[in-house]
Structures are given as structure tokens and as C-alpha cells.
């Protein structure tokens, strides 16, 4: 019996019918039912989307939550959409990076938590220098806290949408080259 339960706990639920059957058998706790149904709905939306590029599992880190939400709305840059996760600017004299970016709009999004961005004066000064560096190059950088993503995701997304309405879309903005699975490199040269 125990082995049978362990096997069922490792099942990959792919359809609503599979989930409903497991619920009827009492194998899914009521607290997990809403989460499982939401994950299945996101999986379905992702399959139907022209930008199927994010995992259907629920992310836990706020940066990943925001990234997946933005990709669902605007698409992944390397698939013809707008959003890049971790965009590095190493070739432009400084080793700066943005947590997320929409290069065609020259919009950067930084996840600012107290632990890395406000605890020490040197970190605070570094963030101000970074913002100024991007502003000088025509980029707008918005800062979002982990708490805002966890508790006010809809408001954060609405704010980004409103900000984008004021940002012109640039056609020859530079090159974004995917270097690794989860980061890209920005170059001023248009390839």
C-alpha cells in the first residue's frame, strides 16, 4: 500500500480529468486542489500560447514569478517577444546586469530586496551608480521589491504596462545574444 501511494505521489498530472480522479480518490489534499488546478490552467494557456517558453510549475522566487508573468503577457525576447531574463552589459565598460529587461523599449527591471540592496551604504551607492549609468544610455530602470511581487503582482504588471506606454519602441537598439539558458549579453552593435 505504501509503495502504491509513493508511486501516485510522483505522478505527473497532465489533465483536469486525472486531477479530478485523484481528488475523488482522496489522494489530493483540499489545500493543494486550488494550486493544482491553477497550475493545470497555466499549463494549458502556455501550450496554447505562441510563446511556449516558461515552465508550467509554479515558481517560488519573486524574480521568477515576475519573469514568467511578463513572458506570458509580452513573450520571450529570443522567441520574438520582448522579455529577457538577466541581461548583462559586460562589453560596455562596466559589469552591470539587469534582472529582467525589455531591450526594444530600453526598459530594465530590477528586483530589489533589503538583503542585497539596502542593508549597507555601499550597496545603496552602487545601485544609484548603476541607475545613473543606464539612464545616461537612454534606459529606464524600475525597481520592484520581492514583497510587491508576492503581494501586489497585478499592480506591478499594471505599472509596467503603463510605463511601457511612455517608452518608445526602438528598432535598432543593439544586439541581445543568448549566452546561457538564463542570461543574455547586450551589445551596442546591431548584428
C-alpha atoms as a PDB file:
ATOM      1  CA  UNK A   1       0.000   0.000   0.000  1.00  0.00           C
ATOM      2  CA  UNK A   2       2.805   2.398   0.946  1.00  0.00           C
ATOM      3  CA  UNK A   3       4.654   1.799  -2.366  1.00  0.00           C
ATOM      4  CA  UNK A   4       1.419   2.407  -4.274  1.00  0.00           C
ATOM      5  CA  UNK A   5       0.939   5.771  -2.503  1.00  0.00           C
ATOM      6  CA  UNK A   6       4.561   6.738  -3.173  1.00  0.00           C
ATOM      7  CA  UNK A   7       4.125   5.976  -6.878  1.00  0.00           C
ATOM      8  CA  UNK A   8       0.912   8.018  -7.001  1.00  0.00           C
ATOM      9  CA  UNK A   9       2.586  10.959  -5.241  1.00  0.00           C
ATOM     10  CA  UNK A  10       5.121  11.055  -8.078  1.00  0.00           C
ATOM     11  CA  UNK A  11       2.501  11.044 -10.829  1.00  0.00           C
ATOM     12  CA  UNK A  12       2.663  13.839 -13.346  1.00  0.00           C
ATOM     13  CA  UNK A  13      -0.868  15.153 -13.626  1.00  0.00           C
ATOM     14  CA  UNK A  14      -1.425  16.317 -17.186  1.00  0.00           C
ATOM     15  CA  UNK A  15      -5.194  16.731 -17.459  1.00  0.00           C
ATOM     16  CA  UNK A  16      -8.047  18.070 -15.381  1.00  0.00           C
ATOM     17  CA  UNK A  17      -9.687  14.634 -15.567  1.00  0.00           C
ATOM     18  CA  UNK A  18      -6.622  12.997 -13.968  1.00  0.00           C
ATOM     19  CA  UNK A  19      -6.711  15.584 -11.187  1.00  0.00           C
ATOM     20  CA  UNK A  20     -10.461  15.120 -10.612  1.00  0.00           C
ATOM     21  CA  UNK A  21      -9.988  11.325 -10.383  1.00  0.00           C
ATOM     22  CA  UNK A  22      -7.250  11.766  -7.773  1.00  0.00           C
ATOM     23  CA  UNK A  23      -9.445  14.190  -5.803  1.00  0.00           C
ATOM     24  CA  UNK A  24     -12.343  11.679  -5.832  1.00  0.00           C
ATOM     25  CA  UNK A  25      -9.968   9.014  -4.505  1.00  0.00           C
ATOM     26  CA  UNK A  26      -8.966  11.370  -1.685  1.00  0.00           C
ATOM     27  CA  UNK A  27      -5.327  11.486  -2.797  1.00  0.00           C
ATOM     28  CA  UNK A  28      -5.112  15.279  -3.146  1.00  0.00           C
ATOM     29  CA  UNK A  29      -5.423  17.381  -0.025  1.00  0.00           C
ATOM     30  CA  UNK A  30      -8.076  20.122  -0.207  1.00  0.00           C
ATOM     31  CA  UNK A  31      -5.367  22.735   0.407  1.00  0.00           C
ATOM     32  CA  UNK A  32      -3.490  21.542  -2.715  1.00  0.00           C
ATOM     33  CA  UNK A  33      -6.503  21.330  -5.038  1.00  0.00           C
ATOM     34  CA  UNK A  34      -6.672  25.039  -5.898  1.00  0.00           C
ATOM     35  CA  UNK A  35      -2.933  25.199  -6.582  1.00  0.00           C
ATOM     36  CA  UNK A  36      -3.033  22.082  -8.767  1.00  0.00           C
ATOM     37  CA  UNK A  37      -5.992  23.389 -10.781  1.00  0.00           C
ATOM     38  CA  UNK A  38      -4.281  26.752 -11.293  1.00  0.00           C
ATOM     39  CA  UNK A  39      -1.087  25.018 -12.467  1.00  0.00           C
ATOM     40  CA  UNK A  40      -3.079  22.942 -14.967  1.00  0.00           C
ATOM     41  CA  UNK A  41      -4.789  26.080 -16.287  1.00  0.00           C
ATOM     42  CA  UNK A  42      -1.418  27.822 -16.707  1.00  0.00           C
ATOM     43  CA  UNK A  43      -0.045  24.722 -18.447  1.00  0.00           C
ATOM     44  CA  UNK A  44      -2.998  24.795 -20.871  1.00  0.00           C
ATOM     45  CA  UNK A  45      -2.560  28.532 -21.524  1.00  0.00           C
ATOM     46  CA  UNK A  46       1.155  28.022 -22.074  1.00  0.00           C
ATOM     47  CA  UNK A  47       0.523  25.239 -24.622  1.00  0.00           C
ATOM     48  CA  UNK A  48      -1.961  27.427 -26.462  1.00  0.00           C
ATOM     49  CA  UNK A  49       0.348  30.454 -26.417  1.00  0.00           C
ATOM     50  CA  UNK A  50       2.615  31.180 -29.353  1.00  0.00           C
ATOM     51  CA  UNK A  51       5.423  31.803 -26.843  1.00  0.00           C
ATOM     52  CA  UNK A  52       5.623  28.450 -25.050  1.00  0.00           C
ATOM     53  CA  UNK A  53       8.797  29.155 -23.140  1.00  0.00           C
ATOM     54  CA  UNK A  54       8.132  29.014 -19.422  1.00  0.00           C
ATOM     55  CA  UNK A  55       7.739  26.084 -17.103  1.00  0.00           C
ATOM     56  CA  UNK A  56       4.195  25.241 -16.048  1.00  0.00           C
ATOM     57  CA  UNK A  57       5.286  24.675 -12.458  1.00  0.00           C
ATOM     58  CA  UNK A  58       4.584  27.449 -10.000  1.00  0.00           C
ATOM     59  CA  UNK A  59       7.821  29.392  -9.374  1.00  0.00           C
ATOM     60  CA  UNK A  60       8.744  30.270  -5.810  1.00  0.00           C
ATOM     61  CA  UNK A  61      11.277  33.080  -6.245  1.00  0.00           C
ATOM     62  CA  UNK A  62       9.732  36.505  -6.846  1.00  0.00           C
ATOM     63  CA  UNK A  63      12.061  37.218  -9.784  1.00  0.00           C
ATOM     64  CA  UNK A  64      10.901  34.015 -11.493  1.00  0.00           C
ATOM     65  CA  UNK A  65       7.256  34.761 -10.716  1.00  0.00           C
ATOM     66  CA  UNK A  66       7.531  38.203 -12.316  1.00  0.00           C
ATOM     67  CA  UNK A  67       9.533  36.917 -15.291  1.00  0.00           C
ATOM     68  CA  UNK A  68       7.028  34.164 -16.088  1.00  0.00           C
ATOM     69  CA  UNK A  69       4.133  36.589 -15.719  1.00  0.00           C
ATOM     70  CA  UNK A  70       5.757  39.083 -18.091  1.00  0.00           C
ATOM     71  CA  UNK A  71       6.642  36.359 -20.605  1.00  0.00           C
ATOM     72  CA  UNK A  72       3.022  35.228 -20.645  1.00  0.00           C
ATOM     73  CA  UNK A  73       1.960  38.780 -21.474  1.00  0.00           C
ATOM     74  CA  UNK A  74       4.788  40.012 -23.742  1.00  0.00           C
ATOM     75  CA  UNK A  75       6.612  36.869 -24.886  1.00  0.00           C
ATOM     76  CA  UNK A  76      10.230  35.806 -24.518  1.00  0.00           C
ATOM     77  CA  UNK A  77      12.692  38.012 -26.419  1.00  0.00           C
ATOM     78  CA  UNK A  78      14.540  35.121 -28.052  1.00  0.00           C
ATOM     79  CA  UNK A  79      11.229  33.736 -29.352  1.00  0.00           C
ATOM     80  CA  UNK A  80      10.098  37.014 -30.918  1.00  0.00           C
ATOM     81  CA  UNK A  81       8.667  38.585 -27.750  1.00  0.00           C
ATOM     82  CA  UNK A  82      10.023  41.328 -25.518  1.00  0.00           C
ATOM     83  CA  UNK A  83      11.293  39.983 -22.167  1.00  0.00           C
ATOM     84  CA  UNK A  84      14.855  38.885 -21.355  1.00  0.00           C
ATOM     85  CA  UNK A  85      15.883  37.344 -18.033  1.00  0.00           C
ATOM     86  CA  UNK A  86      19.216  38.626 -16.702  1.00  0.00           C
ATOM     87  CA  UNK A  87      20.657  40.891 -19.349  1.00  0.00           C
ATOM     88  CA  UNK A  88      24.381  41.554 -18.909  1.00  0.00           C
ATOM     89  CA  UNK A  89      26.231  44.620 -20.188  1.00  0.00           C
ATOM     90  CA  UNK A  90      29.826  43.410 -19.735  1.00  0.00           C
ATOM     91  CA  UNK A  91      31.179  44.748 -23.037  1.00  0.00           C
ATOM     92  CA  UNK A  92      30.210  48.349 -22.345  1.00  0.00           C
ATOM     93  CA  UNK A  93      32.874  49.133 -19.769  1.00  0.00           C
ATOM     94  CA  UNK A  94      31.040  48.101 -16.606  1.00  0.00           C
ATOM     95  CA  UNK A  95      29.922  44.671 -15.469  1.00  0.00           C
ATOM     96  CA  UNK A  96      26.303  45.725 -14.927  1.00  0.00           C
ATOM     97  CA  UNK A  97      23.348  43.444 -15.348  1.00  0.00           C
ATOM     98  CA  UNK A  98      19.575  43.831 -15.186  1.00  0.00           C
ATOM     99  CA  UNK A  99      17.407  41.171 -13.574  1.00  0.00           C
ATOM    100  CA  UNK A 100      14.951  41.477 -16.469  1.00  0.00           C
ATOM    101  CA  UNK A 101      14.765  43.752 -19.479  1.00  0.00           C
ATOM    102  CA  UNK A 102      12.698  44.701 -22.473  1.00  0.00           C
ATOM    103  CA  UNK A 103      15.523  45.824 -24.777  1.00  0.00           C
ATOM    104  CA  UNK A 104      13.355  47.192 -27.607  1.00  0.00           C
ATOM    105  CA  UNK A 105      11.814  49.599 -25.087  1.00  0.00           C
ATOM    106  CA  UNK A 106      15.104  50.172 -23.230  1.00  0.00           C
ATOM    107  CA  UNK A 107      13.320  49.203 -20.028  1.00  0.00           C
ATOM    108  CA  UNK A 108      15.135  47.386 -17.243  1.00  0.00           C
ATOM    109  CA  UNK A 109      13.510  45.763 -14.228  1.00  0.00           C
ATOM    110  CA  UNK A 110      15.454  45.259 -11.034  1.00  0.00           C
ATOM    111  CA  UNK A 111      14.332  43.089  -8.136  1.00  0.00           C
ATOM    112  CA  UNK A 112      15.388  44.975  -5.019  1.00  0.00           C
ATOM    113  CA  UNK A 113      15.322  43.226  -1.700  1.00  0.00           C
ATOM    114  CA  UNK A 114      16.532  44.609   1.594  1.00  0.00           C
ATOM    115  CA  UNK A 115      19.140  41.874   1.922  1.00  0.00           C
ATOM    116  CA  UNK A 116      21.140  42.912  -1.161  1.00  0.00           C
ATOM    117  CA  UNK A 117      20.063  46.454  -1.922  1.00  0.00           C
ATOM    118  CA  UNK A 118      19.526  48.447   1.240  1.00  0.00           C
ATOM    119  CA  UNK A 119      21.381  46.901   4.104  1.00  0.00           C
ATOM    120  CA  UNK A 120      24.697  48.662   3.540  1.00  0.00           C
ATOM    121  CA  UNK A 121      25.575  52.143   2.322  1.00  0.00           C
ATOM    122  CA  UNK A 122      27.989  50.804  -0.338  1.00  0.00           C
ATOM    123  CA  UNK A 123      25.183  48.687  -1.858  1.00  0.00           C
ATOM    124  CA  UNK A 124      22.867  51.693  -1.886  1.00  0.00           C
ATOM    125  CA  UNK A 125      25.529  53.818  -3.621  1.00  0.00           C
ATOM    126  CA  UNK A 126      26.273  51.046  -6.145  1.00  0.00           C
ATOM    127  CA  UNK A 127      22.590  50.848  -7.083  1.00  0.00           C
ATOM    128  CA  UNK A 128      22.446  54.626  -7.617  1.00  0.00           C
ATOM    129  CA  UNK A 129      25.564  54.492  -9.824  1.00  0.00           C
ATOM    130  CA  UNK A 130      24.020  51.625 -11.793  1.00  0.00           C
ATOM    131  CA  UNK A 131      20.759  53.523 -12.334  1.00  0.00           C
ATOM    132  CA  UNK A 132      22.662  56.599 -13.480  1.00  0.00           C
ATOM    133  CA  UNK A 133      24.778  54.501 -15.881  1.00  0.00           C
ATOM    134  CA  UNK A 134      21.636  53.111 -17.536  1.00  0.00           C
ATOM    135  CA  UNK A 135      19.851  56.487 -17.604  1.00  0.00           C
ATOM    136  CA  UNK A 136      22.822  58.026 -19.451  1.00  0.00           C
ATOM    137  CA  UNK A 137      22.345  55.416 -22.170  1.00  0.00           C
ATOM    138  CA  UNK A 138      18.625  56.069 -22.555  1.00  0.00           C
ATOM    139  CA  UNK A 139      17.410  53.151 -20.434  1.00  0.00           C
ATOM    140  CA  UNK A 140      14.683  53.451 -17.826  1.00  0.00           C
ATOM    141  CA  UNK A 141      15.177  51.164 -14.816  1.00  0.00           C
ATOM    142  CA  UNK A 142      12.306  50.392 -12.493  1.00  0.00           C
ATOM    143  CA  UNK A 143      12.840  48.783  -9.126  1.00  0.00           C
ATOM    144  CA  UNK A 144      10.419  46.265  -7.675  1.00  0.00           C
ATOM    145  CA  UNK A 145      10.630  44.603  -4.278  1.00  0.00           C
ATOM    146  CA  UNK A 146      10.131  40.910  -3.619  1.00  0.00           C
ATOM    147  CA  UNK A 147       7.200  41.805  -1.364  1.00  0.00           C
ATOM    148  CA  UNK A 148       5.496  43.753  -4.162  1.00  0.00           C
ATOM    149  CA  UNK A 149       5.738  40.745  -6.483  1.00  0.00           C
ATOM    150  CA  UNK A 150       4.440  38.357  -3.821  1.00  0.00           C
ATOM    151  CA  UNK A 151       1.568  40.555  -2.620  1.00  0.00           C
ATOM    152  CA  UNK A 152       0.783  43.007  -5.446  1.00  0.00           C
ATOM    153  CA  UNK A 153       1.710  41.224  -8.688  1.00  0.00           C
ATOM    154  CA  UNK A 154      -1.254  42.585 -10.645  1.00  0.00           C
ATOM    155  CA  UNK A 155      -0.359  46.151  -9.613  1.00  0.00           C
ATOM    156  CA  UNK A 156       3.301  45.633 -10.581  1.00  0.00           C
ATOM    157  CA  UNK A 157       2.260  44.318 -14.020  1.00  0.00           C
ATOM    158  CA  UNK A 158      -0.165  47.219 -14.482  1.00  0.00           C
ATOM    159  CA  UNK A 159       2.614  49.677 -13.586  1.00  0.00           C
ATOM    160  CA  UNK A 160       4.956  48.055 -16.137  1.00  0.00           C
ATOM    161  CA  UNK A 161       2.237  48.252 -18.790  1.00  0.00           C
ATOM    162  CA  UNK A 162       1.683  51.947 -18.016  1.00  0.00           C
ATOM    163  CA  UNK A 163       5.431  52.661 -18.091  1.00  0.00           C
ATOM    164  CA  UNK A 164       5.716  50.902 -21.468  1.00  0.00           C
ATOM    165  CA  UNK A 165       3.035  53.214 -22.845  1.00  0.00           C
ATOM    166  CA  UNK A 166       5.513  56.092 -22.327  1.00  0.00           C
ATOM    167  CA  UNK A 167       8.549  54.236 -23.714  1.00  0.00           C
ATOM    168  CA  UNK A 168       9.132  54.408 -27.455  1.00  0.00           C
ATOM    169  CA  UNK A 169       9.873  51.099 -29.158  1.00  0.00           C
ATOM    170  CA  UNK A 170      13.383  51.204 -30.642  1.00  0.00           C
ATOM    171  CA  UNK A 171      14.118  49.146 -33.734  1.00  0.00           C
ATOM    172  CA  UNK A 172      17.939  49.261 -33.933  1.00  0.00           C
ATOM    173  CA  UNK A 173      18.593  49.158 -30.215  1.00  0.00           C
ATOM    174  CA  UNK A 174      21.631  46.897 -30.190  1.00  0.00           C
ATOM    175  CA  UNK A 175      22.120  43.153 -30.056  1.00  0.00           C
ATOM    176  CA  UNK A 176      20.903  40.733 -27.424  1.00  0.00           C
ATOM    177  CA  UNK A 177      22.742  37.436 -27.648  1.00  0.00           C
ATOM    178  CA  UNK A 178      21.643  34.453 -25.603  1.00  0.00           C
ATOM    179  CA  UNK A 179      24.775  33.214 -23.836  1.00  0.00           C
ATOM    180  CA  UNK A 180      23.320  30.743 -21.360  1.00  0.00           C
ATOM    181  CA  UNK A 181      19.956  29.260 -20.599  1.00  0.00           C
ATOM    182  CA  UNK A 182      19.006  32.048 -18.206  1.00  0.00           C
ATOM    183  CA  UNK A 183      21.079  35.038 -19.261  1.00  0.00           C
ATOM    184  CA  UNK A 184      21.912  37.100 -22.330  1.00  0.00           C
ATOM    185  CA  UNK A 185      24.562  39.636 -23.291  1.00  0.00           C
ATOM    186  CA  UNK A 186      23.782  43.109 -24.627  1.00  0.00           C
ATOM    187  CA  UNK A 187      25.958  44.830 -27.191  1.00  0.00           C
ATOM    188  CA  UNK A 188      25.543  48.315 -28.680  1.00  0.00           C
ATOM    189  CA  UNK A 189      26.454  46.879 -32.088  1.00  0.00           C
ATOM    190  CA  UNK A 190      23.475  45.897 -34.192  1.00  0.00           C
ATOM    191  CA  UNK A 191      24.058  42.476 -35.738  1.00  0.00           C
END
